[in-house]
Amino acid sequence: MTNSWLVQFETVATVSTCHIHVVRSFGTVGDMFSKIFLAVATNLAFATSVLAQGQPAQKRAATPEEMNTYTVISAVTLCQARKLGVDFEKSLTIGATGFYSAVAQKHGMKVPESRGKALNEQALSNGIALMTTAAAMEFCKENIPQETQDRLKAASDQLKKGGAN
């Protein structure tokens, strides 16, 4: 019988994760093997996380495909929160939180448009709120306040005018 447990070792700089498969069998040999395997795997995971602490993580910018995935997830979450009766501003915060966290932690606040440079918190937050709201208009327009729809349309029209020059 094989069981799988997820073990995480959290450090200041990184989180190392490994899957440990424990082999159980009848008798002491299987038990001893399981304990040895668990000890080796634990030490290996710990050593990996300790080594990673000494090296600054070089995080790459999110790809357009990743940004699309994060946008859809955040928009659907916003729509679901609205359907459950949560007000728009809170729904936007709920929807955008995972998106922001993914870009901040996994990609070091870098998006395709940032040309390899990290955005500041405000720029990233504003961009994510805009992308989440725009995508939510596709999924649940009826749950987006009219004032927000009007502001989004005006911003879109302004971008189109600026893009046409």
C-alpha atoms as a PDB file:
ATOM      1  CA  MET A   1       0.000   0.000   0.000  1.00  0.00           C
ATOM      2  CA  THR A   2       1.438   3.399  -0.953  1.00  0.00           C
ATOM      3  CA  ASN A   3       0.387   6.671   0.688  1.00  0.00           C
ATOM      4  CA  SER A   4       1.487  10.123  -0.375  1.00  0.00           C
ATOM      5  CA  TRP A   5       1.957  13.026   1.999  1.00  0.00           C
ATOM      6  CA  LEU A   6       2.871  16.570   1.091  1.00  0.00           C
ATOM      7  CA  VAL A   7       5.618  18.007   3.248  1.00  0.00           C
ATOM      8  CA  GLN A   8       6.567  21.705   3.135  1.00  0.00           C
ATOM      9  CA  PHE A   9       9.588  23.361   4.635  1.00  0.00           C
ATOM     10  CA  GLU A  10       9.048  27.099   4.826  1.00  0.00           C
ATOM     11  CA  THR A  11      11.998  29.422   4.905  1.00  0.00           C
ATOM     12  CA  VAL A  12      12.317  33.166   4.644  1.00  0.00           C
ATOM     13  CA  ALA A  13      13.392  33.088   1.012  1.00  0.00           C
ATOM     14  CA  THR A  14      11.572  30.108  -0.435  1.00  0.00           C
ATOM     15  CA  VAL A  15       9.232  27.231   0.108  1.00  0.00           C
ATOM     16  CA  SER A  16      10.479  23.797  -0.865  1.00  0.00           C
ATOM     17  CA  THR A  17       7.944  21.080  -1.410  1.00  0.00           C
ATOM     18  CA  CYS A  18       8.450  17.398  -1.899  1.00  0.00           C
ATOM     19  CA  HIS A  19       6.144  14.445  -2.148  1.00  0.00           C
ATOM     20  CA  ILE A  20       7.103  11.628   0.133  1.00  0.00           C
ATOM     21  CA  HIS A  21       5.845   8.194  -0.709  1.00  0.00           C
ATOM     22  CA  VAL A  22       5.813   5.901   2.269  1.00  0.00           C
ATOM     23  CA  VAL A  23       5.953   2.216   1.469  1.00  0.00           C
ATOM     24  CA  ARG A  24       4.207   0.097   4.056  1.00  0.00           C
ATOM     25  CA  SER A  25       4.467  -3.626   4.166  1.00  0.00           C
ATOM     26  CA  PHE A  26       4.094  -6.357   6.711  1.00  0.00           C
ATOM     27  CA  GLY A  27       7.163  -6.765   8.893  1.00  0.00           C
ATOM     28  CA  THR A  28       9.966  -4.680  10.287  1.00  0.00           C
ATOM     29  CA  VAL A  29      11.954  -4.375   7.044  1.00  0.00           C
ATOM     30  CA  GLY A  30       9.172  -2.340   5.443  1.00  0.00           C
ATOM     31  CA  ASP A  31       8.816  -0.168   8.543  1.00  0.00           C
ATOM     32  CA  MET A  32      12.555   0.419   8.703  1.00  0.00           C
ATOM     33  CA  PHE A  33      12.678   1.248   4.974  1.00  0.00           C
ATOM     34  CA  SER A  34       9.833   3.720   5.423  1.00  0.00           C
ATOM     35  CA  LYS A  35      11.588   5.480   8.301  1.00  0.00           C
ATOM     36  CA  ILE A  36      14.900   5.662   6.441  1.00  0.00           C
ATOM     37  CA  PHE A  37      13.231   6.926   3.268  1.00  0.00           C
ATOM     38  CA  LEU A  38      11.279   9.536   5.235  1.00  0.00           C
ATOM     39  CA  ALA A  39      14.447  10.726   7.009  1.00  0.00           C
ATOM     40  CA  VAL A  40      16.443  10.982   3.770  1.00  0.00           C
ATOM     41  CA  ALA A  41      13.646  12.767   1.929  1.00  0.00           C
ATOM     42  CA  THR A  42      13.154  15.188   4.830  1.00  0.00           C
ATOM     43  CA  ASN A  43      16.867  15.998   5.023  1.00  0.00           C
ATOM     44  CA  LEU A  44      17.081  16.431   1.252  1.00  0.00           C
ATOM     45  CA  ALA A  45      14.134  18.818   1.209  1.00  0.00           C
ATOM     46  CA  PHE A  46      15.543  20.772   4.140  1.00  0.00           C
ATOM     47  CA  ALA A  47      18.982  21.014   2.529  1.00  0.00           C
ATOM     48  CA  THR A  48      17.433  22.248  -0.711  1.00  0.00           C
ATOM     49  CA  SER A  49      15.546  24.997   1.087  1.00  0.00           C
ATOM     50  CA  VAL A  50      18.620  26.044   3.076  1.00  0.00           C
ATOM     51  CA  LEU A  51      20.762  26.255  -0.074  1.00  0.00           C
ATOM     52  CA  ALA A  52      18.080  28.297  -1.815  1.00  0.00           C
ATOM     53  CA  GLN A  53      18.157  30.859   0.997  1.00  0.00           C
ATOM     54  CA  GLY A  54      21.669  31.955   0.124  1.00  0.00           C
ATOM     55  CA  GLN A  55      20.801  32.712  -3.492  1.00  0.00           C
ATOM     56  CA  PRO A  56      18.461  35.496  -4.585  1.00  0.00           C
ATOM     57  CA  ALA A  57      15.595  34.097  -6.597  1.00  0.00           C
ATOM     58  CA  GLN A  58      15.506  35.244 -10.189  1.00  0.00           C
ATOM     59  CA  LYS A  59      11.828  35.367 -11.009  1.00  0.00           C
ATOM     60  CA  ARG A  60      10.697  35.675 -14.588  1.00  0.00           C
ATOM     61  CA  ALA A  61       7.822  37.845 -15.750  1.00  0.00           C
ATOM     62  CA  ALA A  62       4.435  36.198 -16.123  1.00  0.00           C
ATOM     63  CA  THR A  63       3.729  35.119 -19.681  1.00  0.00           C
ATOM     64  CA  PRO A  64       0.662  36.416 -21.535  1.00  0.00           C
ATOM     65  CA  GLU A  65      -0.886  32.953 -21.140  1.00  0.00           C
ATOM     66  CA  GLU A  66      -0.335  33.007 -17.379  1.00  0.00           C
ATOM     67  CA  MET A  67      -1.775  36.517 -17.168  1.00  0.00           C
ATOM     68  CA  ASN A  68      -4.838  35.320 -19.079  1.00  0.00           C
ATOM     69  CA  THR A  69      -5.268  32.398 -16.685  1.00  0.00           C
ATOM     70  CA  TYR A  70      -4.931  34.620 -13.617  1.00  0.00           C
ATOM     71  CA  THR A  71      -7.364  37.143 -15.121  1.00  0.00           C
ATOM     72  CA  VAL A  72     -10.032  34.530 -15.806  1.00  0.00           C
ATOM     73  CA  ILE A  73      -9.697  33.034 -12.327  1.00  0.00           C
ATOM     74  CA  SER A  74      -9.973  36.444 -10.667  1.00  0.00           C
ATOM     75  CA  ALA A  75     -12.943  37.485 -12.822  1.00  0.00           C
ATOM     76  CA  VAL A  76     -14.854  34.273 -12.168  1.00  0.00           C
ATOM     77  CA  THR A  77     -14.149  34.643  -8.440  1.00  0.00           C
ATOM     78  CA  LEU A  78     -15.425  38.233  -8.533  1.00  0.00           C
ATOM     79  CA  CYS A  79     -18.595  37.088 -10.326  1.00  0.00           C
ATOM     80  CA  GLN A  80     -19.196  34.313  -7.818  1.00  0.00           C
ATOM     81  CA  ALA A  81     -18.773  36.687  -4.888  1.00  0.00           C
ATOM     82  CA  ARG A  82     -21.255  39.096  -6.486  1.00  0.00           C
ATOM     83  CA  LYS A  83     -23.769  36.281  -6.987  1.00  0.00           C
ATOM     84  CA  LEU A  84     -23.431  35.489  -3.291  1.00  0.00           C
ATOM     85  CA  GLY A  85     -24.387  39.068  -2.443  1.00  0.00           C
ATOM     86  CA  VAL A  86     -20.970  40.531  -1.652  1.00  0.00           C
ATOM     87  CA  ASP A  87     -20.709  44.222  -2.596  1.00  0.00           C
ATOM     88  CA  PHE A  88     -18.673  45.087  -5.677  1.00  0.00           C
ATOM     89  CA  GLU A  89     -15.580  46.589  -4.012  1.00  0.00           C
ATOM     90  CA  LYS A  90     -15.186  43.604  -1.693  1.00  0.00           C
ATOM     91  CA  SER A  91     -15.831  41.212  -4.583  1.00  0.00           C
ATOM     92  CA  LEU A  92     -13.124  42.915  -6.608  1.00  0.00           C
ATOM     93  CA  THR A  93     -10.694  42.585  -3.706  1.00  0.00           C
ATOM     94  CA  ILE A  94     -11.605  38.924  -3.258  1.00  0.00           C
ATOM     95  CA  GLY A  95     -11.236  38.214  -6.976  1.00  0.00           C
ATOM     96  CA  ALA A  96      -7.992  40.116  -7.442  1.00  0.00           C
ATOM     97  CA  THR A  97      -6.177  38.822  -4.343  1.00  0.00           C
ATOM     98  CA  GLY A  98      -5.102  35.499  -5.858  1.00  0.00           C
ATOM     99  CA  PHE A  99      -4.062  37.204  -9.095  1.00  0.00           C
ATOM    100  CA  TYR A 100      -1.954  39.738  -7.199  1.00  0.00           C
ATOM    101  CA  SER A 101      -0.402  37.051  -4.998  1.00  0.00           C
ATOM    102  CA  ALA A 102       0.556  34.888  -7.979  1.00  0.00           C
ATOM    103  CA  VAL A 103       2.212  37.751  -9.850  1.00  0.00           C
ATOM    104  CA  ALA A 104       3.915  39.086  -6.720  1.00  0.00           C
ATOM    105  CA  GLN A 105       5.217  35.769  -5.360  1.00  0.00           C
ATOM    106  CA  LYS A 106       5.762  33.644  -8.447  1.00  0.00           C
ATOM    107  CA  HIS A 107       6.817  36.375 -10.860  1.00  0.00           C
ATOM    108  CA  GLY A 108       8.399  39.015  -8.607  1.00  0.00           C
ATOM    109  CA  MET A 109       5.776  41.635  -9.616  1.00  0.00           C
ATOM    110  CA  LYS A 110       6.797  41.339 -13.282  1.00  0.00           C
ATOM    111  CA  VAL A 111       4.229  41.241 -16.091  1.00  0.00           C
ATOM    112  CA  PRO A 112       4.823  40.943 -19.845  1.00  0.00           C
ATOM    113  CA  GLU A 113       4.455  44.698 -20.347  1.00  0.00           C
ATOM    114  CA  SER A 114       6.995  45.593 -17.635  1.00  0.00           C
ATOM    115  CA  ARG A 115       9.953  44.499 -19.787  1.00  0.00           C
ATOM    116  CA  GLY A 116      11.582  42.484 -17.014  1.00  0.00           C
ATOM    117  CA  LYS A 117      11.226  45.164 -14.328  1.00  0.00           C
ATOM    118  CA  ALA A 118       9.111  44.724 -11.227  1.00  0.00           C
ATOM    119  CA  LEU A 119       6.067  46.963 -10.908  1.00  0.00           C
ATOM    120  CA  ASN A 120       5.380  48.816  -7.693  1.00  0.00           C
ATOM    121  CA  GLU A 121       2.478  47.626  -5.544  1.00  0.00           C
ATOM    122  CA  GLN A 122       0.104  50.387  -6.644  1.00  0.00           C
ATOM    123  CA  ALA A 123       0.729  49.904 -10.372  1.00  0.00           C
ATOM    124  CA  LEU A 124       0.303  46.144 -10.103  1.00  0.00           C
ATOM    125  CA  SER A 125      -2.818  46.471  -7.962  1.00  0.00           C
ATOM    126  CA  ASN A 126      -4.423  48.987 -10.330  1.00  0.00           C
ATOM    127  CA  GLY A 127      -3.635  46.918 -13.406  1.00  0.00           C
ATOM    128  CA  ILE A 128      -5.019  43.763 -11.833  1.00  0.00           C
ATOM    129  CA  ALA A 129      -8.205  45.541 -10.729  1.00  0.00           C
ATOM    130  CA  LEU A 130      -8.720  46.831 -14.272  1.00  0.00           C
ATOM    131  CA  MET A 131      -8.048  43.456 -15.889  1.00  0.00           C
ATOM    132  CA  THR A 132     -10.279  41.640 -13.405  1.00  0.00           C
ATOM    133  CA  THR A 133     -13.156  44.080 -13.886  1.00  0.00           C
ATOM    134  CA  ALA A 134     -12.858  44.042 -17.683  1.00  0.00           C
ATOM    135  CA  ALA A 135     -12.882  40.243 -17.750  1.00  0.00           C
ATOM    136  CA  ALA A 136     -15.792  40.082 -15.302  1.00  0.00           C
ATOM    137  CA  MET A 137     -17.792  42.193 -17.764  1.00  0.00           C
ATOM    138  CA  GLU A 138     -17.590  39.199 -20.104  1.00  0.00           C
ATOM    139  CA  PHE A 139     -18.806  36.725 -17.482  1.00  0.00           C
ATOM    140  CA  CYS A 140     -21.312  38.619 -15.354  1.00  0.00           C
ATOM    141  CA  LYS A 141     -21.956  42.097 -16.720  1.00  0.00           C
ATOM    142  CA  GLU A 142     -25.258  42.232 -14.841  1.00  0.00           C
ATOM    143  CA  ASN A 143     -23.348  42.053 -11.545  1.00  0.00           C
ATOM    144  CA  ILE A 144     -21.009  44.966 -12.322  1.00  0.00           C
ATOM    145  CA  PRO A 145     -22.302  48.384 -11.159  1.00  0.00           C
ATOM    146  CA  GLN A 146     -23.334  50.655 -14.038  1.00  0.00           C
ATOM    147  CA  GLU A 147     -20.950  53.396 -12.857  1.00  0.00           C
ATOM    148  CA  THR A 148     -18.037  50.943 -13.069  1.00  0.00           C
ATOM    149  CA  GLN A 149     -19.169  49.795 -16.521  1.00  0.00           C
ATOM    150  CA  ASP A 150     -19.316  53.427 -17.687  1.00  0.00           C
ATOM    151  CA  ARG A 151     -15.813  54.196 -16.324  1.00  0.00           C
ATOM    152  CA  LEU A 152     -14.425  51.063 -17.949  1.00  0.00           C
ATOM    153  CA  LYS A 153     -16.030  51.930 -21.289  1.00  0.00           C
ATOM    154  CA  ALA A 154     -14.675  55.492 -21.130  1.00  0.00           C
ATOM    155  CA  ALA A 155     -11.175  54.209 -20.371  1.00  0.00           C
ATOM    156  CA  SER A 156     -11.435  51.714 -23.226  1.00  0.00           C
ATOM    157  CA  ASP A 157     -12.621  54.419 -25.637  1.00  0.00           C
ATOM    158  CA  GLN A 158      -9.743  56.663 -24.553  1.00  0.00           C
ATOM    159  CA  LEU A 159      -7.245  53.857 -25.183  1.00  0.00           C
ATOM    160  CA  LYS A 160      -8.720  53.243 -28.639  1.00  0.00           C
ATOM    161  CA  LYS A 161      -8.423  56.951 -29.492  1.00  0.00           C
ATOM    162  CA  GLY A 162      -4.849  57.039 -28.227  1.00  0.00           C
ATOM    163  CA  GLY A 163      -4.020  53.838 -30.068  1.00  0.00           C
ATOM    164  CA  ALA A 164      -5.403  55.216 -33.354  1.00  0.00           C
ATOM    165  CA  ASN A 165      -2.948  58.164 -33.370  1.00  0.00           C
END
